[in-house]
């Protein structure tokens, strides 16, 4: 199976809702997740508690970060948020308009 994007291999919690991520291609970047957590509720509600937020892990099966509440983020989006680079897909996966 061909890997279409880089996956998360390491996470370190910084101040607030910021995490430093390392990806499988060696890229490292910091992502502030505050706007994607605060006020969303559901599985993201518990993440508003700083102690719970720090319980983040790398889910190797999903290739991304996750929490015990079931919350996770798409690794493609994390990569985009960390690098500013658009997520690229092979032509066969491009959605037709």
N, C-alpha and C. Protein backbone atom coordinates (compact mmCIF):
# COMPACT_ATOMS: atom_id res chain seq x y z
N UNK A 1 0.84 -1.18 0.00
CA UNK A 1 0.00 0.00 0.00
C UNK A 1 0.88 1.25 0.00
N UNK A 2 0.57 2.19 -0.84
CA UNK A 2 1.33 3.43 -0.95
C UNK A 2 0.84 4.44 0.08
N UNK A 3 1.78 5.06 0.76
CA UNK A 3 1.44 6.08 1.74
C UNK A 3 1.17 7.38 1.01
N UNK A 4 0.01 7.96 1.18
CA UNK A 4 -0.37 9.16 0.47
C UNK A 4 0.07 10.43 1.17
N UNK A 5 0.25 10.36 2.48
CA UNK A 5 0.64 11.54 3.23
C UNK A 5 1.55 11.11 4.37
N UNK A 6 2.17 12.10 4.97
CA UNK A 6 3.00 11.82 6.14
C UNK A 6 2.08 11.58 7.33
N UNK A 7 2.50 10.69 8.19
CA UNK A 7 1.75 10.42 9.41
C UNK A 7 2.50 11.00 10.60
N UNK A 8 1.80 11.16 11.71
CA UNK A 8 2.41 11.69 12.92
C UNK A 8 3.17 10.57 13.62
N UNK A 9 4.43 10.85 13.98
CA UNK A 9 5.24 9.86 14.68
C UNK A 9 5.57 10.27 16.11
N UNK A 10 5.42 11.56 16.42
CA UNK A 10 5.73 12.04 17.77
C UNK A 10 4.92 13.29 18.06
N UNK A 11 4.48 13.42 19.31
CA UNK A 11 3.75 14.61 19.74
C UNK A 11 4.31 15.07 21.07
N UNK A 12 4.43 16.39 21.22
CA UNK A 12 4.83 16.98 22.48
C UNK A 12 3.88 18.15 22.75
N UNK A 13 3.27 18.15 23.93
CA UNK A 13 2.36 19.23 24.30
C UNK A 13 3.18 20.44 24.73
N UNK A 14 2.80 21.59 24.20
CA UNK A 14 3.44 22.86 24.56
C UNK A 14 2.44 23.65 25.41
N UNK A 15 2.53 24.95 25.43
CA UNK A 15 1.60 25.79 26.20
C UNK A 15 0.22 25.83 25.55
N UNK A 16 -0.79 26.03 26.37
CA UNK A 16 -2.15 26.15 25.85
C UNK A 16 -2.58 24.88 25.14
N UNK A 17 -3.12 25.08 23.96
CA UNK A 17 -3.57 23.95 23.14
C UNK A 17 -2.61 23.70 21.97
N UNK A 18 -1.36 24.05 22.17
CA UNK A 18 -0.36 23.86 21.12
C UNK A 18 0.36 22.53 21.29
N UNK A 19 0.62 21.89 20.15
CA UNK A 19 1.39 20.65 20.14
C UNK A 19 2.48 20.77 19.09
N UNK A 20 3.63 20.20 19.41
CA UNK A 20 4.69 20.09 18.41
C UNK A 20 4.60 18.68 17.85
N UNK A 21 4.52 18.58 16.54
CA UNK A 21 4.36 17.30 15.88
C UNK A 21 5.57 16.98 15.02
N UNK A 22 5.93 15.71 14.99
CA UNK A 22 6.94 15.21 14.07
C UNK A 22 6.22 14.23 13.15
N UNK A 23 6.50 14.36 11.86
CA UNK A 23 5.85 13.52 10.85
C UNK A 23 6.82 12.50 10.29
N UNK A 24 6.26 11.49 9.65
CA UNK A 24 7.06 10.38 9.14
C UNK A 24 8.07 10.79 8.07
N UNK A 25 7.90 11.96 7.47
CA UNK A 25 8.87 12.44 6.48
C UNK A 25 9.94 13.33 7.12
N UNK A 26 9.92 13.41 8.47
CA UNK A 26 10.93 14.19 9.19
C UNK A 26 10.54 15.62 9.47
N UNK A 27 9.47 16.09 8.88
CA UNK A 27 9.01 17.47 9.09
C UNK A 27 8.50 17.60 10.52
N UNK A 28 8.84 18.75 11.14
CA UNK A 28 8.35 19.08 12.48
C UNK A 28 7.64 20.42 12.40
N UNK A 29 6.60 20.56 13.20
CA UNK A 29 5.88 21.83 13.21
C UNK A 29 5.00 21.93 14.44
N UNK A 30 4.61 23.15 14.74
CA UNK A 30 3.75 23.43 15.89
C UNK A 30 2.36 23.77 15.38
N UNK A 31 1.36 23.19 16.02
CA UNK A 31 -0.03 23.44 15.67
C UNK A 31 -0.78 23.89 16.92
N UNK A 32 -1.50 25.01 16.79
CA UNK A 32 -2.37 25.49 17.88
C UNK A 32 -3.77 24.98 17.58
N UNK A 33 -4.26 24.09 18.41
CA UNK A 33 -5.56 23.46 18.19
C UNK A 33 -6.71 24.16 18.91
N UNK A 34 -6.46 25.29 19.55
CA UNK A 34 -7.48 25.97 20.35
C UNK A 34 -8.77 26.20 19.56
N UNK A 35 -8.68 26.75 18.36
CA UNK A 35 -9.88 27.06 17.58
C UNK A 35 -10.60 25.81 17.10
N UNK A 36 -9.94 24.67 17.16
CA UNK A 36 -10.53 23.42 16.71
C UNK A 36 -11.06 22.57 17.87
N UNK A 37 -10.85 23.05 19.09
CA UNK A 37 -11.28 22.30 20.29
C UNK A 37 -12.29 23.09 21.11
N UNK A 38 -11.95 24.31 21.48
CA UNK A 38 -12.76 25.11 22.40
C UNK A 38 -14.14 25.39 21.79
N UNK A 39 -15.17 24.98 22.54
CA UNK A 39 -16.54 25.23 22.13
C UNK A 39 -17.14 24.22 21.17
N UNK A 40 -16.37 23.21 20.78
CA UNK A 40 -16.90 22.22 19.83
C UNK A 40 -17.75 21.16 20.51
N UNK A 41 -17.49 20.87 21.76
CA UNK A 41 -18.27 19.86 22.47
C UNK A 41 -18.00 18.46 21.96
N UNK A 42 -18.91 17.54 22.26
CA UNK A 42 -18.76 16.15 21.85
C UNK A 42 -17.47 15.55 22.36
N UNK A 43 -16.78 14.76 21.53
CA UNK A 43 -15.53 14.14 21.94
C UNK A 43 -14.43 15.16 22.19
N UNK A 44 -14.62 16.40 21.67
CA UNK A 44 -13.61 17.44 21.87
C UNK A 44 -13.80 18.19 23.19
N UNK A 45 -14.99 18.09 23.80
CA UNK A 45 -15.26 18.79 25.06
C UNK A 45 -14.24 18.53 26.15
N UNK A 46 -13.90 17.27 26.42
CA UNK A 46 -12.93 17.00 27.49
C UNK A 46 -11.55 17.61 27.22
N UNK A 47 -11.20 17.86 25.96
CA UNK A 47 -9.89 18.41 25.62
C UNK A 47 -9.72 19.85 26.10
N UNK A 48 -10.84 20.51 26.44
CA UNK A 48 -10.75 21.87 26.97
C UNK A 48 -10.08 21.89 28.33
N UNK A 49 -10.10 20.77 29.03
CA UNK A 49 -9.40 20.64 30.31
C UNK A 49 -7.92 20.41 30.02
N UNK A 50 -7.04 21.33 30.46
CA UNK A 50 -5.61 21.20 30.15
C UNK A 50 -5.00 19.86 30.56
N UNK A 51 -5.44 19.31 31.71
CA UNK A 51 -4.90 18.02 32.14
C UNK A 51 -5.29 16.91 31.17
N UNK A 52 -6.53 16.95 30.71
CA UNK A 52 -6.98 15.95 29.75
C UNK A 52 -6.28 16.14 28.40
N UNK A 53 -6.14 17.40 27.98
CA UNK A 53 -5.47 17.69 26.71
C UNK A 53 -4.07 17.07 26.68
N UNK A 54 -3.37 17.12 27.81
CA UNK A 54 -2.01 16.58 27.89
C UNK A 54 -1.96 15.06 27.80
N UNK A 55 -3.11 14.40 27.78
CA UNK A 55 -3.16 12.94 27.66
C UNK A 55 -3.09 12.48 26.19
N UNK A 56 -2.79 13.40 25.31
CA UNK A 56 -2.68 13.08 23.87
C UNK A 56 -1.62 12.01 23.63
N UNK A 57 -1.89 11.14 22.68
CA UNK A 57 -0.93 10.10 22.28
C UNK A 57 -0.85 10.08 20.75
N UNK A 58 0.16 9.39 20.24
CA UNK A 58 0.21 9.10 18.82
C UNK A 58 -0.46 7.74 18.64
N UNK A 59 -1.50 7.71 17.83
CA UNK A 59 -2.17 6.46 17.49
C UNK A 59 -1.50 5.95 16.21
N UNK A 60 -0.63 4.97 16.37
CA UNK A 60 0.15 4.48 15.23
C UNK A 60 -0.71 3.84 14.16
N UNK A 61 -1.83 3.27 14.56
CA UNK A 61 -2.73 2.65 13.58
C UNK A 61 -3.37 3.70 12.68
N UNK A 62 -3.76 4.83 13.28
CA UNK A 62 -4.37 5.92 12.52
C UNK A 62 -3.34 6.87 11.92
N UNK A 63 -2.14 6.87 12.49
CA UNK A 63 -1.09 7.77 12.01
C UNK A 63 -1.31 9.21 12.42
N UNK A 64 -1.98 9.40 13.55
CA UNK A 64 -2.29 10.75 13.99
C UNK A 64 -2.31 10.81 15.51
N UNK A 65 -2.68 11.98 16.05
CA UNK A 65 -2.80 12.14 17.48
C UNK A 65 -4.23 11.84 17.90
N UNK A 66 -4.39 11.34 19.14
CA UNK A 66 -5.71 10.97 19.63
C UNK A 66 -5.74 11.11 21.14
N UNK A 67 -6.96 11.17 21.67
CA UNK A 67 -7.20 11.28 23.10
C UNK A 67 -8.14 10.17 23.55
N UNK A 68 -8.18 9.88 24.86
CA UNK A 68 -9.05 8.83 25.39
C UNK A 68 -10.54 9.07 25.12
N UNK A 69 -10.94 10.30 24.82
CA UNK A 69 -12.35 10.61 24.54
C UNK A 69 -12.77 10.13 23.16
N UNK A 70 -11.79 9.70 22.35
CA UNK A 70 -12.07 9.30 20.97
C UNK A 70 -11.79 10.39 19.97
N UNK A 71 -11.40 11.55 20.45
CA UNK A 71 -11.08 12.66 19.56
C UNK A 71 -9.76 12.40 18.84
N UNK A 72 -9.71 12.77 17.57
CA UNK A 72 -8.46 12.73 16.81
C UNK A 72 -8.58 13.74 15.67
N UNK A 73 -7.49 13.96 14.99
CA UNK A 73 -7.46 14.88 13.86
C UNK A 73 -6.86 14.17 12.66
N UNK A 74 -7.35 14.50 11.49
CA UNK A 74 -6.84 13.93 10.24
C UNK A 74 -5.36 14.30 10.11
N UNK A 75 -4.49 13.32 9.85
CA UNK A 75 -3.06 13.63 9.74
C UNK A 75 -2.76 14.58 8.57
N UNK A 76 -3.54 14.50 7.49
CA UNK A 76 -3.35 15.43 6.37
C UNK A 76 -3.56 16.87 6.82
N UNK A 77 -4.61 17.09 7.62
CA UNK A 77 -4.89 18.45 8.08
C UNK A 77 -3.84 18.92 9.07
N UNK A 78 -3.40 18.03 9.97
CA UNK A 78 -2.34 18.41 10.90
C UNK A 78 -1.08 18.83 10.14
N UNK A 79 -0.75 18.09 9.09
CA UNK A 79 0.43 18.41 8.28
C UNK A 79 0.26 19.78 7.63
N UNK A 80 -0.92 20.02 7.09
CA UNK A 80 -1.21 21.32 6.48
C UNK A 80 -1.11 22.45 7.49
N UNK A 81 -1.71 22.25 8.67
CA UNK A 81 -1.68 23.29 9.70
C UNK A 81 -0.25 23.52 10.20
N UNK A 82 0.56 22.48 10.24
CA UNK A 82 1.94 22.60 10.74
C UNK A 82 2.88 23.22 9.72
N UNK A 83 2.60 23.00 8.44
CA UNK A 83 3.55 23.43 7.40
C UNK A 83 3.01 24.51 6.48
N UNK A 84 1.71 24.64 6.40
CA UNK A 84 1.11 25.56 5.43
C UNK A 84 1.04 24.98 4.04
N UNK A 85 1.56 23.76 3.86
CA UNK A 85 1.55 23.12 2.55
C UNK A 85 0.20 22.47 2.31
N UNK A 86 -0.29 22.62 1.09
CA UNK A 86 -1.54 21.98 0.71
C UNK A 86 -1.36 20.47 0.69
N UNK A 87 -2.42 19.77 1.00
CA UNK A 87 -2.40 18.32 0.97
C UNK A 87 -2.57 17.89 -0.48
N UNK A 88 -1.63 17.10 -0.97
CA UNK A 88 -1.73 16.65 -2.36
C UNK A 88 -2.22 15.22 -2.42
N UNK A 89 -2.94 14.92 -3.47
CA UNK A 89 -3.50 13.59 -3.69
C UNK A 89 -3.20 13.20 -5.14
N UNK A 90 -3.08 11.90 -5.39
CA UNK A 90 -2.92 11.45 -6.76
C UNK A 90 -4.16 11.83 -7.57
N UNK A 91 -4.01 12.01 -8.89
CA UNK A 91 -5.13 12.39 -9.75
C UNK A 91 -6.32 11.47 -9.60
N UNK A 92 -6.08 10.19 -9.33
CA UNK A 92 -7.19 9.24 -9.21
C UNK A 92 -8.05 9.50 -8.00
N UNK A 93 -7.57 10.32 -7.05
CA UNK A 93 -8.37 10.60 -5.85
C UNK A 93 -8.92 12.03 -5.85
N UNK A 94 -8.75 12.74 -6.96
CA UNK A 94 -9.27 14.09 -7.04
C UNK A 94 -10.77 14.03 -7.17
N UNK A 95 -11.46 14.84 -6.40
CA UNK A 95 -12.91 14.86 -6.44
C UNK A 95 -13.36 15.74 -7.59
N UNK A 96 -14.23 15.23 -8.43
CA UNK A 96 -14.74 16.00 -9.55
C UNK A 96 -15.79 16.99 -9.05
N UNK A 97 -15.81 18.18 -9.65
CA UNK A 97 -16.80 19.18 -9.25
C UNK A 97 -18.05 19.03 -10.08
